[in-house]
All heavy atoms as atom14 arrays in JSON, in Angstrom:
{
  "sequence": "RRSAYGLLDRITPAWPRRLLWRPLVTPGTP",
  "atom14_mask": [
    [1, 1, 1, 1, 1, 1, 1, 1, 1, 1, 1, 0, 0, 0],
    [1, 1, 1, 1, 1, 1, 1, 1, 1, 1, 1, 0, 0, 0],
    [1, 1, 1, 1, 1, 1, 0, 0, 0, 0, 0, 0, 0, 0],
    [1, 1, 1, 1, 1, 0, 0, 0, 0, 0, 0, 0, 0, 0],
    [1, 1, 1, 1, 1, 1, 1, 1, 1, 1, 1, 1, 0, 0],
    [1, 1, 1, 1, 0, 0, 0, 0, 0, 0, 0, 0, 0, 0],
    [1, 1, 1, 1, 1, 1, 1, 1, 0, 0, 0, 0, 0, 0],
    [1, 1, 1, 1, 1, 1, 1, 1, 0, 0, 0, 0, 0, 0],
    [1, 1, 1, 1, 1, 1, 1, 1, 0, 0, 0, 0, 0, 0],
    [1, 1, 1, 1, 1, 1, 1, 1, 1, 1, 1, 0, 0, 0],
    [1, 1, 1, 1, 1, 1, 1, 1, 0, 0, 0, 0, 0, 0],
    [1, 1, 1, 1, 1, 1, 1, 0, 0, 0, 0, 0, 0, 0],
    [1, 1, 1, 1, 1, 1, 1, 0, 0, 0, 0, 0, 0, 0],
    [1, 1, 1, 1, 1, 0, 0, 0, 0, 0, 0, 0, 0, 0],
    [1, 1, 1, 1, 1, 1, 1, 1, 1, 1, 1, 1, 1, 1],
    [1, 1, 1, 1, 1, 1, 1, 0, 0, 0, 0, 0, 0, 0],
    [1, 1, 1, 1, 1, 1, 1, 1, 1, 1, 1, 0, 0, 0],
    [1, 1, 1, 1, 1, 1, 1, 1, 1, 1, 1, 0, 0, 0],
    [1, 1, 1, 1, 1, 1, 1, 1, 0, 0, 0, 0, 0, 0],
    [1, 1, 1, 1, 1, 1, 1, 1, 0, 0, 0, 0, 0, 0],
    [1, 1, 1, 1, 1, 1, 1, 1, 1, 1, 1, 1, 1, 1],
    [1, 1, 1, 1, 1, 1, 1, 1, 1, 1, 1, 0, 0, 0],
    [1, 1, 1, 1, 1, 1, 1, 0, 0, 0, 0, 0, 0, 0],
    [1, 1, 1, 1, 1, 1, 1, 1, 0, 0, 0, 0, 0, 0],
    [1, 1, 1, 1, 1, 1, 1, 0, 0, 0, 0, 0, 0, 0],
    [1, 1, 1, 1, 1, 1, 1, 0, 0, 0, 0, 0, 0, 0],
    [1, 1, 1, 1, 1, 1, 1, 0, 0, 0, 0, 0, 0, 0],
    [1, 1, 1, 1, 0, 0, 0, 0, 0, 0, 0, 0, 0, 0],
    [1, 1, 1, 1, 1, 1, 1, 0, 0, 0, 0, 0, 0, 0],
    [1, 1, 1, 1, 1, 1, 1, 0, 0, 0, 0, 0, 0, 0]
  ],
  "atom14_positions": [
    [[145.36, -39.57, -0.27], [144.08, -39.38, -0.94], [144.17, -38.47, -2.09], [143.29, -38.51, -2.99], [143.03, -38.89, 0.08], [143.15, -37.43, 0.45], [142.22, -37.0, 1.6], [140.86, -37.3, 1.36], [139.99, -36.53, 0.77], [140.32, -35.32, 0.3], [138.72, -36.94, 0.65], [0.0, 0.0, 0.0], [0.0, 0.0, 0.0], [0.0, 0.0, 0.0]],
    [[145.26, -37.71, -2.16], [145.42, -36.78, -3.29], [146.26, -37.37, -4.41], [146.68, -36.63, -5.28], [146.05, -35.48, -2.81], [145.23, -34.71, -1.83], [144.08, -34.07, -2.47], [144.44, -33.12, -3.52], [143.59, -32.5, -4.29], [142.31, -32.69, -4.16], [144.03, -31.65, -5.24], [0.0, 0.0, 0.0], [0.0, 0.0, 0.0], [0.0, 0.0, 0.0]],
    [[146.58, -38.67, -4.38], [147.27, -39.36, -5.45], [146.26, -40.03, -6.38], [145.09, -40.24, -6.06], [148.22, -40.37, -4.91], [147.5, -41.42, -4.28], [0.0, 0.0, 0.0], [0.0, 0.0, 0.0], [0.0, 0.0, 0.0], [0.0, 0.0, 0.0], [0.0, 0.0, 0.0], [0.0, 0.0, 0.0], [0.0, 0.0, 0.0], [0.0, 0.0, 0.0]],
    [[146.69, -40.38, -7.57], [145.83, -41.14, -8.51], [145.38, -42.47, -7.89], [144.22, -42.86, -7.98], [146.57, -41.39, -9.86], [0.0, 0.0, 0.0], [0.0, 0.0, 0.0], [0.0, 0.0, 0.0], [0.0, 0.0, 0.0], [0.0, 0.0, 0.0], [0.0, 0.0, 0.0], [0.0, 0.0, 0.0], [0.0, 0.0, 0.0], [0.0, 0.0, 0.0]],
    [[146.31, -43.09, -7.24], [145.97, -44.41, -6.53], [144.9, -44.09, -5.47], [143.94, -44.89, -5.41], [147.25, -44.89, -5.88], [147.06, -46.17, -5.06], [147.6, -47.4, -5.52], [146.49, -46.17, -3.78], [147.48, -48.54, -4.78], [146.35, -47.33, -3.06], [146.83, -48.51, -3.53], [146.72, -49.62, -2.77], [0.0, 0.0, 0.0], [0.0, 0.0, 0.0]],
    [[145.09, -43.11, -4.62], [144.1, -42.83, -3.57], [142.74, -42.5, -4.11], [141.76, -42.98, -3.59], [0.0, 0.0, 0.0], [0.0, 0.0, 0.0], [0.0, 0.0, 0.0], [0.0, 0.0, 0.0], [0.0, 0.0, 0.0], [0.0, 0.0, 0.0], [0.0, 0.0, 0.0], [0.0, 0.0, 0.0], [0.0, 0.0, 0.0], [0.0, 0.0, 0.0]],
    [[142.67, -41.69, -5.21], [141.4, -41.37, -5.77], [140.71, -42.62, -6.37], [139.51, -42.84, -6.04], [141.56, -40.29, -6.87], [140.24, -39.87, -7.6], [139.25, -39.29, -6.64], [140.56, -38.9, -8.72], [0.0, 0.0, 0.0], [0.0, 0.0, 0.0], [0.0, 0.0, 0.0], [0.0, 0.0, 0.0], [0.0, 0.0, 0.0], [0.0, 0.0, 0.0]],
    [[141.49, -43.42, -7.09], [140.86, -44.61, -7.67], [140.43, -45.56, -6.52], [139.37, -46.21, -6.68], [141.88, -45.27, -8.54], [141.41, -46.39, -9.47], [140.31, -45.86, -10.42], [142.56, -46.98, -10.26], [0.0, 0.0, 0.0], [0.0, 0.0, 0.0], [0.0, 0.0, 0.0], [0.0, 0.0, 0.0], [0.0, 0.0, 0.0], [0.0, 0.0, 0.0]],
    [[141.15, -45.68, -5.52], [140.78, -46.53, -4.39], [139.49, -46.07, -3.74], [138.64, -46.9, -3.36], [141.94, -46.6, -3.41], [141.79, -47.73, -2.38], [141.15, -48.72, -2.71], [142.28, -47.6, -1.24], [0.0, 0.0, 0.0], [0.0, 0.0, 0.0], [0.0, 0.0, 0.0], [0.0, 0.0, 0.0], [0.0, 0.0, 0.0], [0.0, 0.0, 0.0]],
    [[139.33, -44.77, -3.66], [138.17, -44.2, -3.01], [136.89, -44.38, -3.8], [135.78, -44.67, -3.28], [138.31, -42.71, -2.78], [139.21, -42.39, -1.57], [139.15, -40.95, -1.25], [140.0, -40.1, -2.14], [139.72, -38.89, -2.57], [138.58, -38.35, -2.17], [140.54, -38.27, -3.36], [0.0, 0.0, 0.0], [0.0, 0.0, 0.0], [0.0, 0.0, 0.0]],
    [[136.98, -44.29, -5.15], [135.77, -44.34, -5.99], [135.43, -45.68, -6.56], [134.31, -45.88, -7.09], [135.89, -43.31, -7.15], [136.98, -43.71, -8.16], [136.2, -41.87, -6.62], [137.1, -42.83, -9.31], [0.0, 0.0, 0.0], [0.0, 0.0, 0.0], [0.0, 0.0, 0.0], [0.0, 0.0, 0.0], [0.0, 0.0, 0.0], [0.0, 0.0, 0.0]],
    [[136.33, -46.66, -6.42], [136.02, -47.97, -7.0], [135.09, -48.76, -6.06], [135.36, -48.86, -4.88], [137.34, -48.8, -7.12], [138.24, -48.05, -7.91], [137.09, -50.12, -7.77], [0.0, 0.0, 0.0], [0.0, 0.0, 0.0], [0.0, 0.0, 0.0], [0.0, 0.0, 0.0], [0.0, 0.0, 0.0], [0.0, 0.0, 0.0], [0.0, 0.0, 0.0]],
    [[133.95, -49.28, -6.61], [133.1, -50.08, -5.77], [133.77, -51.31, -5.17], [134.82, -51.73, -5.62], [132.0, -50.52, -6.77], [132.11, -49.45, -7.87], [133.55, -49.11, -7.95], [0.0, 0.0, 0.0], [0.0, 0.0, 0.0], [0.0, 0.0, 0.0], [0.0, 0.0, 0.0], [0.0, 0.0, 0.0], [0.0, 0.0, 0.0], [0.0, 0.0, 0.0]],
    [[133.07, -51.9, -4.18], [133.73, -52.95, -3.34], [134.2, -54.12, -4.15], [135.34, -54.55, -3.99], [132.75, -53.42, -2.27], [0.0, 0.0, 0.0], [0.0, 0.0, 0.0], [0.0, 0.0, 0.0], [0.0, 0.0, 0.0], [0.0, 0.0, 0.0], [0.0, 0.0, 0.0], [0.0, 0.0, 0.0], [0.0, 0.0, 0.0], [0.0, 0.0, 0.0]],
    [[133.36, -54.74, -4.97], [133.8, -56.01, -5.59], [134.88, -55.82, -6.68], [135.81, -56.57, -6.67], [132.59, -56.77, -6.17], [131.91, -56.18, -7.38], [130.84, -55.34, -7.41], [132.3, -56.39, -8.71], [130.54, -54.93, -8.66], [131.42, -55.61, -9.51], [133.29, -57.17, -9.36], [131.48, -55.59, -10.91], [133.33, -57.06, -10.75], [132.46, -56.33, -11.48]],
    [[134.79, -54.81, -7.56], [135.98, -54.69, -8.44], [137.2, -54.16, -7.74], [138.3, -54.45, -8.14], [135.47, -53.6, -9.45], [134.38, -52.92, -8.8], [133.7, -53.87, -7.92], [0.0, 0.0, 0.0], [0.0, 0.0, 0.0], [0.0, 0.0, 0.0], [0.0, 0.0, 0.0], [0.0, 0.0, 0.0], [0.0, 0.0, 0.0], [0.0, 0.0, 0.0]],
    [[137.04, -53.51, -6.56], [138.17, -53.08, -5.77], [138.97, -54.32, -5.28], [140.19, -54.3, -5.3], [137.71, -52.15, -4.61], [138.91, -51.71, -3.72], [138.37, -50.74, -2.68], [139.44, -50.31, -1.75], [139.57, -50.84, -0.53], [138.77, -51.75, -0.07], [140.58, -50.36, 0.23], [0.0, 0.0, 0.0], [0.0, 0.0, 0.0], [0.0, 0.0, 0.0]],
    [[138.23, -55.26, -4.89], [138.88, -56.5, -4.37], [139.72, -57.13, -5.46], [140.78, -57.63, -5.27], [137.89, -57.48, -3.8], [137.31, -57.13, -2.43], [136.55, -58.24, -1.78], [135.39, -58.59, -2.51], [134.18, -58.03, -2.33], [134.06, -57.11, -1.35], [133.13, -58.38, -2.96], [0.0, 0.0, 0.0], [0.0, 0.0, 0.0], [0.0, 0.0, 0.0]],
    [[139.17, -57.18, -6.69], [139.86, -57.8, -7.79], [141.07, -57.04, -8.25], [142.11, -57.54, -8.56], [138.88, -57.93, -9.04], [137.73, -58.86, -8.82], [136.8, -58.81, -10.05], [138.23, -60.31, -8.6], [0.0, 0.0, 0.0], [0.0, 0.0, 0.0], [0.0, 0.0, 0.0], [0.0, 0.0, 0.0], [0.0, 0.0, 0.0], [0.0, 0.0, 0.0]],
    [[140.9, -55.64, -8.24], [142.01, -54.79, -8.7], [143.16, -54.73, -7.68], [144.33, -54.81, -8.04], [141.48, -53.37, -8.96], [140.7, -53.11, -10.21], [140.11, -51.73, -10.19], [141.6, -53.28, -11.47], [0.0, 0.0, 0.0], [0.0, 0.0, 0.0], [0.0, 0.0, 0.0], [0.0, 0.0, 0.0], [0.0, 0.0, 0.0], [0.0, 0.0, 0.0]],
    [[142.86, -54.6, -6.41], [143.86, -54.29, -5.4], [144.42, -55.49, -4.72], [145.44, -55.42, -4.03], [143.31, -53.34, -4.34], [142.78, -52.03, -4.87], [141.66, -51.36, -4.41], [143.38, -51.19, -5.9], [141.54, -50.16, -5.12], [142.54, -50.04, -6.06], [144.52, -51.28, -6.7], [142.87, -49.04, -6.91], [144.75, -50.33, -7.64], [143.94, -49.22, -7.7]],
    [[143.8, -56.67, -4.83], [144.35, -57.83, -4.14], [145.78, -58.13, -4.47], [146.53, -58.42, -3.62], [143.44, -59.02, -4.41], [143.82, -60.25, -3.57], [143.83, -59.99, -2.05], [144.51, -61.0, -1.31], [144.89, -60.82, -0.07], [144.65, -59.7, 0.58], [145.53, -61.77, 0.61], [0.0, 0.0, 0.0], [0.0, 0.0, 0.0], [0.0, 0.0, 0.0]],
    [[146.19, -57.95, -5.79], [147.65, -58.18, -6.06], [148.57, -57.22, -5.38], [149.75, -57.46, -5.26], [147.68, -58.02, -7.61], [146.3, -58.3, -8.08], [145.41, -57.74, -7.02], [0.0, 0.0, 0.0], [0.0, 0.0, 0.0], [0.0, 0.0, 0.0], [0.0, 0.0, 0.0], [0.0, 0.0, 0.0], [0.0, 0.0, 0.0], [0.0, 0.0, 0.0]],
    [[148.05, -56.03, -4.87], [148.9, -55.07, -4.25], [149.17, -55.41, -2.8], [150.08, -54.85, -2.22], [148.22, -53.66, -4.29], [148.48, -52.88, -5.57], [147.81, -53.56, -6.77], [147.86, -51.49, -5.42], [0.0, 0.0, 0.0], [0.0, 0.0, 0.0], [0.0, 0.0, 0.0], [0.0, 0.0, 0.0], [0.0, 0.0, 0.0], [0.0, 0.0, 0.0]],
    [[148.4, -56.32, -2.23], [148.52, -56.63, -0.85], [149.77, -57.6, -0.61], [149.92, -58.62, -1.31], [147.3, -57.32, -0.31], [147.48, -57.69, 1.19], [146.07, -56.43, -0.37], [0.0, 0.0, 0.0], [0.0, 0.0, 0.0], [0.0, 0.0, 0.0], [0.0, 0.0, 0.0], [0.0, 0.0, 0.0], [0.0, 0.0, 0.0], [0.0, 0.0, 0.0]],
    [[150.68, -57.19, 0.24], [151.86, -58.03, 0.5], [151.44, -59.36, 1.04], [150.63, -59.42, 1.99], [152.77, -57.25, 1.52], [153.07, -55.99, 0.99], [154.03, -58.06, 1.8], [0.0, 0.0, 0.0], [0.0, 0.0, 0.0], [0.0, 0.0, 0.0], [0.0, 0.0, 0.0], [0.0, 0.0, 0.0], [0.0, 0.0, 0.0], [0.0, 0.0, 0.0]],
    [[151.98, -60.43, 0.52], [151.65, -61.77, 1.09], [151.82, -61.83, 2.56], [152.86, -61.38, 3.1], [152.67, -62.69, 0.34], [152.97, -62.0, -0.95], [152.98, -60.5, -0.57], [0.0, 0.0, 0.0], [0.0, 0.0, 0.0], [0.0, 0.0, 0.0], [0.0, 0.0, 0.0], [0.0, 0.0, 0.0], [0.0, 0.0, 0.0], [0.0, 0.0, 0.0]],
    [[150.83, -62.39, 3.23], [150.87, -62.5, 4.69], [150.27, -61.3, 5.43], [150.17, -61.33, 6.64], [0.0, 0.0, 0.0], [0.0, 0.0, 0.0], [0.0, 0.0, 0.0], [0.0, 0.0, 0.0], [0.0, 0.0, 0.0], [0.0, 0.0, 0.0], [0.0, 0.0, 0.0], [0.0, 0.0, 0.0], [0.0, 0.0, 0.0], [0.0, 0.0, 0.0]],
    [[149.75, -60.31, 4.7], [149.05, -59.19, 5.3], [147.59, -59.19, 4.81], [147.3, -59.59, 3.72], [149.72, -57.84, 4.93], [149.66, -57.61, 3.57], [151.14, -57.86, 5.46], [0.0, 0.0, 0.0], [0.0, 0.0, 0.0], [0.0, 0.0, 0.0], [0.0, 0.0, 0.0], [0.0, 0.0, 0.0], [0.0, 0.0, 0.0], [0.0, 0.0, 0.0]],
    [[146.71, -58.69, 5.63], [145.26, -58.68, 5.19], [144.98, -57.58, 4.22], [145.69, -56.63, 4.1], [144.52, -58.4, 6.54], [145.51, -57.56, 7.33], [146.89, -58.18, 6.97], [0.0, 0.0, 0.0], [0.0, 0.0, 0.0], [0.0, 0.0, 0.0], [0.0, 0.0, 0.0], [0.0, 0.0, 0.0], [0.0, 0.0, 0.0], [0.0, 0.0, 0.0]]
  ]
}
């Protein structure tokens, strides 16, 4: 939570978060 990634993940609203972070999810994982 104290990383730039963690802060951005916490403050990003739900719908843009899905657009931004979906490429980070390993294929086959939720």
